[in-house]
Amino acid sequence: MGNDSKHALLLRGLKQRCHRRQARVHKMNREATERQEQHNEMLSAMSERQAREERRLKEAIASPSNEYEGCRRSLLGLAY
């Protein structure tokens, strides 16, 4: 086997490894992007739940209805 064919084999092997590494990096980047999107969706959902709960509590405190009276008195620290 001549030097040229050895070099060609080495070069082909290097190119294949390079392509595999690039594919692995691209896959990892896609996975990282997906995880970031899931994390952002989770944070958004938590924020929405917190905002709903805060609105509910404000409505409960401001509401004169009996439905929220116990909750309102409890939040205000009033005795029954």
PDB file of N, CA and C in Angstrom:
ATOM      1  N   MET A   1       0.855  -1.178   0.000  1.00  0.00           N
ATOM      2  CA  MET A   1       0.000   0.000   0.000  1.00  0.00           C
ATOM      3  C   MET A   1       0.895   1.233   0.000  1.00  0.00           C
ATOM      4  N   GLY A   2       0.673   2.118  -0.944  1.00  0.00           N
ATOM      5  CA  GLY A   2       1.513   3.299  -1.062  1.00  0.00           C
ATOM      6  C   GLY A   2       1.118   4.382  -0.066  1.00  0.00           C
ATOM      7  N   ASN A   3       1.972   5.355   0.044  1.00  0.00           N
ATOM      8  CA  ASN A   3       1.719   6.469   0.964  1.00  0.00           C
ATOM      9  C   ASN A   3       0.464   7.239   0.606  1.00  0.00           C
ATOM     10  N   ASP A   4       0.223   7.392  -0.690  1.00  0.00           N
ATOM     11  CA  ASP A   4      -0.972   8.127  -1.116  1.00  0.00           C
ATOM     12  C   ASP A   4      -2.247   7.432  -0.656  1.00  0.00           C
ATOM     13  N   SER A   5      -2.300   6.126  -0.771  1.00  0.00           N
ATOM     14  CA  SER A   5      -3.513   5.412  -0.357  1.00  0.00           C
ATOM     15  C   SER A   5      -3.650   5.434   1.159  1.00  0.00           C
ATOM     16  N   LYS A   6      -2.532   5.383   1.881  1.00  0.00           N
ATOM     17  CA  LYS A   6      -2.595   5.481   3.350  1.00  0.00           C
ATOM     18  C   LYS A   6      -3.132   6.852   3.766  1.00  0.00           C
ATOM     19  N   HIS A   7      -2.650   7.863   3.110  1.00  0.00           N
ATOM     20  CA  HIS A   7      -3.104   9.220   3.423  1.00  0.00           C
ATOM     21  C   HIS A   7      -4.581   9.393   3.077  1.00  0.00           C
ATOM     22  N   ALA A   8      -4.992   8.808   1.980  1.00  0.00           N
ATOM     23  CA  ALA A   8      -6.400   8.898   1.589  1.00  0.00           C
ATOM     24  C   ALA A   8      -7.285   8.208   2.619  1.00  0.00           C
ATOM     25  N   LEU A   9      -6.858   7.047   3.110  1.00  0.00           N
ATOM     26  CA  LEU A   9      -7.627   6.335   4.144  1.00  0.00           C
ATOM     27  C   LEU A   9      -7.689   7.154   5.437  1.00  0.00           C
ATOM     28  N   LEU A  10      -6.546   7.710   5.825  1.00  0.00           N
ATOM     29  CA  LEU A  10      -6.512   8.536   7.037  1.00  0.00           C
ATOM     30  C   LEU A  10      -7.419   9.755   6.892  1.00  0.00           C
ATOM     31  N   LEU A  11      -7.349  10.385   5.732  1.00  0.00           N
ATOM     32  CA  LEU A  11      -8.166  11.561   5.488  1.00  0.00           C
ATOM     33  C   LEU A  11      -9.652  11.220   5.513  1.00  0.00           C
ATOM     34  N   ARG A  12     -10.015  10.108   4.898  1.00  0.00           N
ATOM     35  CA  ARG A  12     -11.423   9.686   4.898  1.00  0.00           C
ATOM     36  C   ARG A  12     -11.899   9.417   6.335  1.00  0.00           C
ATOM     37  N   GLY A  13     -11.040   8.743   7.116  1.00  0.00           N
ATOM     38  CA  GLY A  13     -11.389   8.463   8.512  1.00  0.00           C
ATOM     39  C   GLY A  13     -11.571   9.742   9.314  1.00  0.00           C
ATOM     40  N   LEU A  14     -10.698  10.711   9.104  1.00  0.00           N
ATOM     41  CA  LEU A  14     -10.811  11.993   9.805  1.00  0.00           C
ATOM     42  C   LEU A  14     -12.094  12.724   9.418  1.00  0.00           C
ATOM     43  N   LYS A  15     -12.425  12.705   8.134  1.00  0.00           N
ATOM     44  CA  LYS A  15     -13.650  13.368   7.680  1.00  0.00           C
ATOM     45  C   LYS A  15     -14.884  12.716   8.292  1.00  0.00           C
ATOM     46  N   GLN A  16     -14.883  11.398   8.349  1.00  0.00           N
ATOM     47  CA  GLN A  16     -16.024  10.692   8.934  1.00  0.00           C
ATOM     48  C   GLN A  16     -16.185  11.044  10.407  1.00  0.00           C
ATOM     49  N   ARG A  17     -15.054  11.067  11.137  1.00  0.00           N
ATOM     50  CA  ARG A  17     -15.125  11.425  12.555  1.00  0.00           C
ATOM     51  C   ARG A  17     -15.597  12.855  12.742  1.00  0.00           C
ATOM     52  N   CYS A  18     -15.136  13.732  11.871  1.00  0.00           N
ATOM     53  CA  CYS A  18     -15.545  15.131  11.942  1.00  0.00           C
ATOM     54  C   CYS A  18     -17.053  15.264  11.713  1.00  0.00           C
ATOM     55  N   HIS A  19     -17.569  14.553  10.722  1.00  0.00           N
ATOM     56  CA  HIS A  19     -19.006  14.598  10.440  1.00  0.00           C
ATOM     57  C   HIS A  19     -19.816  14.040  11.610  1.00  0.00           C
ATOM     58  N   ARG A  20     -19.317  12.962  12.211  1.00  0.00           N
ATOM     59  CA  ARG A  20     -20.030  12.388  13.366  1.00  0.00           C
ATOM     60  C   ARG A  20     -20.039  13.363  14.541  1.00  0.00           C
ATOM     61  N   ARG A  21     -18.905  14.018  14.765  1.00  0.00           N
ATOM     62  CA  ARG A  21     -18.841  15.002  15.858  1.00  0.00           C
ATOM     63  C   ARG A  21     -19.779  16.177  15.593  1.00  0.00           C
ATOM     64  N   GLN A  22     -19.784  16.657  14.364  1.00  0.00           N
ATOM     65  CA  GLN A  22     -20.688  17.763  14.029  1.00  0.00           C
ATOM     66  C   GLN A  22     -22.143  17.353  14.228  1.00  0.00           C
ATOM     67  N   ALA A  23     -22.476  16.133  13.825  1.00  0.00           N
ATOM     68  CA  ALA A  23     -23.849  15.645  13.999  1.00  0.00           C
ATOM     69  C   ALA A  23     -24.192  15.562  15.480  1.00  0.00           C
ATOM     70  N   ARG A  24     -23.236  15.111  16.295  1.00  0.00           N
ATOM     71  CA  ARG A  24     -23.464  15.025  17.746  1.00  0.00           C
ATOM     72  C   ARG A  24     -23.676  16.403  18.350  1.00  0.00           C
ATOM     73  N   VAL A  25     -22.878  17.366  17.922  1.00  0.00           N
ATOM     74  CA  VAL A  25     -23.004  18.743  18.424  1.00  0.00           C
ATOM     75  C   VAL A  25     -24.362  19.317  18.026  1.00  0.00           C
ATOM     76  N   HIS A  26     -24.774  19.103  16.783  1.00  0.00           N
ATOM     77  CA  HIS A  26     -26.077  19.608  16.333  1.00  0.00           C
ATOM     78  C   HIS A  26     -27.205  18.976  17.141  1.00  0.00           C
ATOM     79  N   LYS A  27     -27.093  17.670  17.392  1.00  0.00           N
ATOM     80  CA  LYS A  27     -28.115  16.968  18.185  1.00  0.00           C
ATOM     81  C   LYS A  27     -28.168  17.542  19.605  1.00  0.00           C
ATOM     82  N   MET A  28     -27.015  17.748  20.204  1.00  0.00           N
ATOM     83  CA  MET A  28     -26.979  18.296  21.560  1.00  0.00           C
ATOM     84  C   MET A  28     -27.561  19.706  21.592  1.00  0.00           C
ATOM     85  N   ASN A  29     -27.281  20.505  20.571  1.00  0.00           N
ATOM     86  CA  ASN A  29     -27.849  21.853  20.507  1.00  0.00           C
ATOM     87  C   ASN A  29     -29.366  21.817  20.380  1.00  0.00           C
ATOM     88  N   ARG A  30     -29.870  20.906  19.540  1.00  0.00           N
ATOM     89  CA  ARG A  30     -31.327  20.769  19.413  1.00  0.00           C
ATOM     90  C   ARG A  30     -31.957  20.360  20.739  1.00  0.00           C
ATOM     91  N   GLU A  31     -31.334  19.399  21.414  1.00  0.00           N
ATOM     92  CA  GLU A  31     -31.855  18.935  22.703  1.00  0.00           C
ATOM     93  C   GLU A  31     -31.815  20.052  23.743  1.00  0.00           C
ATOM     94  N   ALA A  32     -30.748  20.822  23.752  1.00  0.00           N
ATOM     95  CA  ALA A  32     -30.638  21.940  24.701  1.00  0.00           C
ATOM     96  C   ALA A  32     -31.716  22.980  24.420  1.00  0.00           C
ATOM     97  N   THR A  33     -31.983  23.241  23.152  1.00  0.00           N
ATOM     98  CA  THR A  33     -33.031  24.197  22.783  1.00  0.00           C
ATOM     99  C   THR A  33     -34.398  23.690  23.237  1.00  0.00           C
ATOM    100  N   GLU A  34     -34.649  22.397  23.040  1.00  0.00           N
ATOM    101  CA  GLU A  34     -35.925  21.813  23.479  1.00  0.00           C
ATOM    102  C   GLU A  34     -36.075  21.914  24.991  1.00  0.00           C
ATOM    103  N   ARG A  35     -34.999  21.612  25.720  1.00  0.00           N
ATOM    104  CA  ARG A  35     -35.068  21.711  27.190  1.00  0.00           C
ATOM    105  C   ARG A  35     -35.320  23.147  27.631  1.00  0.00           C
ATOM    106  N   GLN A  36     -34.677  24.104  26.972  1.00  0.00           N
ATOM    107  CA  GLN A  36     -34.879  25.514  27.312  1.00  0.00           C
ATOM    108  C   GLN A  36     -36.317  25.928  27.052  1.00  0.00           C
ATOM    109  N   GLU A  37     -36.886  25.472  25.930  1.00  0.00           N
ATOM    110  CA  GLU A  37     -38.282  25.789  25.619  1.00  0.00           C
ATOM    111  C   GLU A  37     -39.223  25.190  26.661  1.00  0.00           C
ATOM    112  N   GLN A  38     -38.958  23.940  27.071  1.00  0.00           N
ATOM    113  CA  GLN A  38     -39.780  23.319  28.106  1.00  0.00           C
ATOM    114  C   GLN A  38     -39.672  24.087  29.416  1.00  0.00           C
ATOM    115  N   HIS A  39     -38.469  24.504  29.760  1.00  0.00           N
ATOM    116  CA  HIS A  39     -38.259  25.267  30.989  1.00  0.00           C
ATOM    117  C   HIS A  39     -39.016  26.597  30.937  1.00  0.00           C
ATOM    118  N   ASN A  40     -38.928  27.279  29.788  1.00  0.00           N
ATOM    119  CA  ASN A  40     -39.632  28.549  29.634  1.00  0.00           C
ATOM    120  C   ASN A  40     -41.139  28.363  29.727  1.00  0.00           C
ATOM    121  N   GLU A  41     -41.659  27.281  29.135  1.00  0.00           N
ATOM    122  CA  GLU A  41     -43.098  26.999  29.217  1.00  0.00           C
ATOM    123  C   GLU A  41     -43.512  26.734  30.660  1.00  0.00           C
ATOM    124  N   MET A  42     -42.671  25.996  31.395  1.00  0.00           N
ATOM    125  CA  MET A  42     -42.965  25.703  32.792  1.00  0.00           C
ATOM    126  C   MET A  42     -42.990  26.992  33.616  1.00  0.00           C
ATOM    127  N   LEU A  43     -42.003  27.867  33.404  1.00  0.00           N
ATOM    128  CA  LEU A  43     -41.967  29.130  34.135  1.00  0.00           C
ATOM    129  C   LEU A  43     -43.176  29.998  33.801  1.00  0.00           C
ATOM    130  N   SER A  44     -43.571  29.997  32.544  1.00  0.00           N
ATOM    131  CA  SER A  44     -44.736  30.769  32.121  1.00  0.00           C
ATOM    132  C   SER A  44     -46.000  30.237  32.790  1.00  0.00           C
ATOM    133  N   ALA A  45     -46.155  28.917  32.812  1.00  0.00           N
ATOM    134  CA  ALA A  45     -47.325  28.316  33.445  1.00  0.00           C
ATOM    135  C   ALA A  45     -47.349  28.623  34.943  1.00  0.00           C
ATOM    136  N   MET A  46     -46.188  28.559  35.588  1.00  0.00           N
ATOM    137  CA  MET A  46     -46.129  28.874  37.018  1.00  0.00           C
ATOM    138  C   MET A  46     -46.500  30.331  37.260  1.00  0.00           C
ATOM    139  N   SER A  47     -46.031  31.214  36.407  1.00  0.00           N
ATOM    140  CA  SER A  47     -46.336  32.637  36.537  1.00  0.00           C
ATOM    141  C   SER A  47     -47.836  32.887  36.354  1.00  0.00           C
ATOM    142  N   GLU A  48     -48.427  32.222  35.372  1.00  0.00           N
ATOM    143  CA  GLU A  48     -49.865  32.367  35.149  1.00  0.00           C
ATOM    144  C   GLU A  48     -50.667  31.857  36.346  1.00  0.00           C
ATOM    145  N   ARG A  49     -50.253  30.709  36.904  1.00  0.00           N
ATOM    146  CA  ARG A  49     -50.945  30.171  38.088  1.00  0.00           C
ATOM    147  C   ARG A  49     -50.840  31.128  39.261  1.00  0.00           C
ATOM    148  N   GLN A  50     -49.653  31.692  39.458  1.00  0.00           N
ATOM    149  CA  GLN A  50     -49.453  32.627  40.565  1.00  0.00           C
ATOM    150  C   GLN A  50     -50.327  33.867  40.370  1.00  0.00           C
ATOM    151  N   ALA A  51     -50.383  34.382  39.147  1.00  0.00           N
ATOM    152  CA  ALA A  51     -51.200  35.566  38.874  1.00  0.00           C
ATOM    153  C   ALA A  51     -52.676  35.261  39.120  1.00  0.00           C
ATOM    154  N   ARG A  52     -53.129  34.071  38.697  1.00  0.00           N
ATOM    155  CA  ARG A  52     -54.532  33.686  38.951  1.00  0.00           C
ATOM    156  C   ARG A  52     -54.815  33.600  40.450  1.00  0.00           C
ATOM    157  N   GLU A  53     -53.888  33.008  41.184  1.00  0.00           N
ATOM    158  CA  GLU A  53     -54.067  32.875  42.629  1.00  0.00           C
ATOM    159  C   GLU A  53     -54.100  34.246  43.300  1.00  0.00           C
ATOM    160  N   GLU A  54     -53.235  35.141  42.866  1.00  0.00           N
ATOM    161  CA  GLU A  54     -53.240  36.488  43.437  1.00  0.00           C
ATOM    162  C   GLU A  54     -54.550  37.212  43.137  1.00  0.00           C
ATOM    163  N   ARG A  55     -55.048  37.061  41.901  1.00  0.00           N
ATOM    164  CA  ARG A  55     -56.346  37.673  41.559  1.00  0.00           C
ATOM    165  C   ARG A  55     -57.455  37.084  42.412  1.00  0.00           C
ATOM    166  N   ARG A  56     -57.422  35.747  42.593  1.00  0.00           N
ATOM    167  CA  ARG A  56     -58.437  35.085  43.412  1.00  0.00           C
ATOM    168  C   ARG A  56     -58.414  35.609  44.846  1.00  0.00           C
ATOM    169  N   LEU A  57     -57.217  35.756  45.388  1.00  0.00           N
ATOM    170  CA  LEU A  57     -57.098  36.247  46.761  1.00  0.00           C
ATOM    171  C   LEU A  57     -57.588  37.693  46.870  1.00  0.00           C
ATOM    172  N   LYS A  58     -57.232  38.516  45.894  1.00  0.00           N
ATOM    173  CA  LYS A  58     -57.697  39.913  45.915  1.00  0.00           C
ATOM    174  C   LYS A  58     -59.213  39.975  45.818  1.00  0.00           C
ATOM    175  N   GLU A  59     -59.787  39.139  44.943  1.00  0.00           N
ATOM    176  CA  GLU A  59     -61.242  39.098  44.823  1.00  0.00           C
ATOM    177  C   GLU A  59     -61.879  38.616  46.108  1.00  0.00           C
ATOM    178  N   ALA A  60     -61.235  37.628  46.741  1.00  0.00           N
ATOM    179  CA  ALA A  60     -61.775  37.092  47.993  1.00  0.00           C
ATOM    180  C   ALA A  60     -61.758  38.152  49.088  1.00  0.00           C
ATOM    181  N   ILE A  61     -60.694  38.920  49.135  1.00  0.00           N
ATOM    182  CA  ILE A  61     -60.587  39.960  50.164  1.00  0.00           C
ATOM    183  C   ILE A  61     -61.594  41.073  49.899  1.00  0.00           C
ATOM    184  N   ALA A  62     -61.757  41.447  48.643  1.00  0.00           N
ATOM    185  CA  ALA A  62     -62.637  42.559  48.300  1.00  0.00           C
ATOM    186  C   ALA A  62     -64.111  42.160  48.235  1.00  0.00           C
ATOM    187  N   SER A  63     -64.388  40.878  48.121  1.00  0.00           N
ATOM    188  CA  SER A  63     -65.765  40.422  47.913  1.00  0.00           C
ATOM    189  C   SER A  63     -66.579  40.493  49.201  1.00  0.00           C
ATOM    190  N   PRO A  64     -67.770  41.055  49.131  1.00  0.00           N
ATOM    191  CA  PRO A  64     -68.641  41.084  50.301  1.00  0.00           C
ATOM    192  C   PRO A  64     -69.460  39.793  50.431  1.00  0.00           C
ATOM    193  N   SER A  65     -69.329  38.882  49.481  1.00  0.00           N
ATOM    194  CA  SER A  65     -70.169  37.678  49.495  1.00  0.00           C
ATOM    195  C   SER A  65     -69.752  36.723  50.602  1.00  0.00           C
ATOM    196  N   ASN A  66     -70.687  35.931  51.048  1.00  0.00           N
ATOM    197  CA  ASN A  66     -70.423  34.948  52.093  1.00  0.00           C
ATOM    198  C   ASN A  66     -69.497  33.844  51.615  1.00  0.00           C
ATOM    199  N   GLU A  67     -69.465  33.636  50.312  1.00  0.00           N
ATOM    200  CA  GLU A  67     -68.633  32.577  49.751  1.00  0.00           C
ATOM    201  C   GLU A  67     -67.176  32.757  50.148  1.00  0.00           C
ATOM    202  N   TYR A  68     -66.717  33.998  50.202  1.00  0.00           N
ATOM    203  CA  TYR A  68     -65.322  34.278  50.518  1.00  0.00           C
ATOM    204  C   TYR A  68     -65.126  34.821  51.932  1.00  0.00           C
ATOM    205  N   GLU A  69     -66.167  34.922  52.696  1.00  0.00           N
ATOM    206  CA  GLU A  69     -66.076  35.574  54.008  1.00  0.00           C
ATOM    207  C   GLU A  69     -65.043  34.909  54.914  1.00  0.00           C
ATOM    208  N   GLY A  70     -65.064  33.578  54.998  1.00  0.00           N
ATOM    209  CA  GLY A  70     -64.101  32.885  55.853  1.00  0.00           C
ATOM    210  C   GLY A  70     -62.676  33.122  55.410  1.00  0.00           C
ATOM    211  N   CYS A  71     -62.465  33.048  54.130  1.00  0.00           N
ATOM    212  CA  CYS A  71     -61.120  33.268  53.582  1.00  0.00           C
ATOM    213  C   CYS A  71     -60.695  34.708  53.830  1.00  0.00           C
ATOM    214  N   ARG A  72     -61.597  35.655  53.589  1.00  0.00           N
ATOM    215  CA  ARG A  72     -61.274  37.066  53.762  1.00  0.00           C
ATOM    216  C   ARG A  72     -60.934  37.363  55.222  1.00  0.00           C
ATOM    217  N   ARG A  73     -61.750  36.857  56.122  1.00  0.00           N
ATOM    218  CA  ARG A  73     -61.494  37.106  57.555  1.00  0.00           C
ATOM    219  C   ARG A  73     -60.177  36.472  57.970  1.00  0.00           C
ATOM    220  N   SER A  74     -59.920  35.289  57.451  1.00  0.00           N
ATOM    221  CA  SER A  74     -58.682  34.605  57.780  1.00  0.00           C
ATOM    222  C   SER A  74     -57.479  35.380  57.272  1.00  0.00           C
ATOM    223  N   LEU A  75     -57.550  35.871  56.040  1.00  0.00           N
ATOM    224  CA  LEU A  75     -56.439  36.637  55.476  1.00  0.00           C
ATOM    225  C   LEU A  75     -56.230  37.953  56.212  1.00  0.00           C
ATOM    226  N   LEU A  76     -57.312  38.539  56.710  1.00  0.00           N
ATOM    227  CA  LEU A  76     -57.194  39.799  57.428  1.00  0.00           C
ATOM    228  C   LEU A  76     -56.852  39.596  58.893  1.00  0.00           C
ATOM    229  N   GLY A  77     -56.835  38.330  59.326  1.00  0.00           N
ATOM    230  CA  GLY A  77     -56.495  38.028  60.718  1.00  0.00           C
ATOM    231  C   GLY A  77     -57.636  38.307  61.678  1.00  0.00           C
ATOM    232  N   LEU A  78     -58.867  38.287  61.179  1.00  0.00           N
ATOM    233  CA  LEU A  78     -60.019  38.563  62.029  1.00  0.00           C
ATOM    234  C   LEU A  78     -60.548  37.257  62.620  1.00  0.00           C
ATOM    235  N   ALA A  79     -61.071  37.337  63.803  1.00  0.00           N
ATOM    236  CA  ALA A  79     -61.661  36.150  64.444  1.00  0.00           C
ATOM    237  C   ALA A  79     -63.054  35.938  63.861  1.00  0.00           C
ATOM    238  N   TYR A  80     -63.520  34.724  63.930  1.00  0.00           N
ATOM    239  CA  TYR A  80     -64.864  34.404  63.432  1.00  0.00           C
ATOM    240  C   TYR A  80     -65.863  34.844  64.405  1.00  0.00           C
TER     241      TYR A  80
END
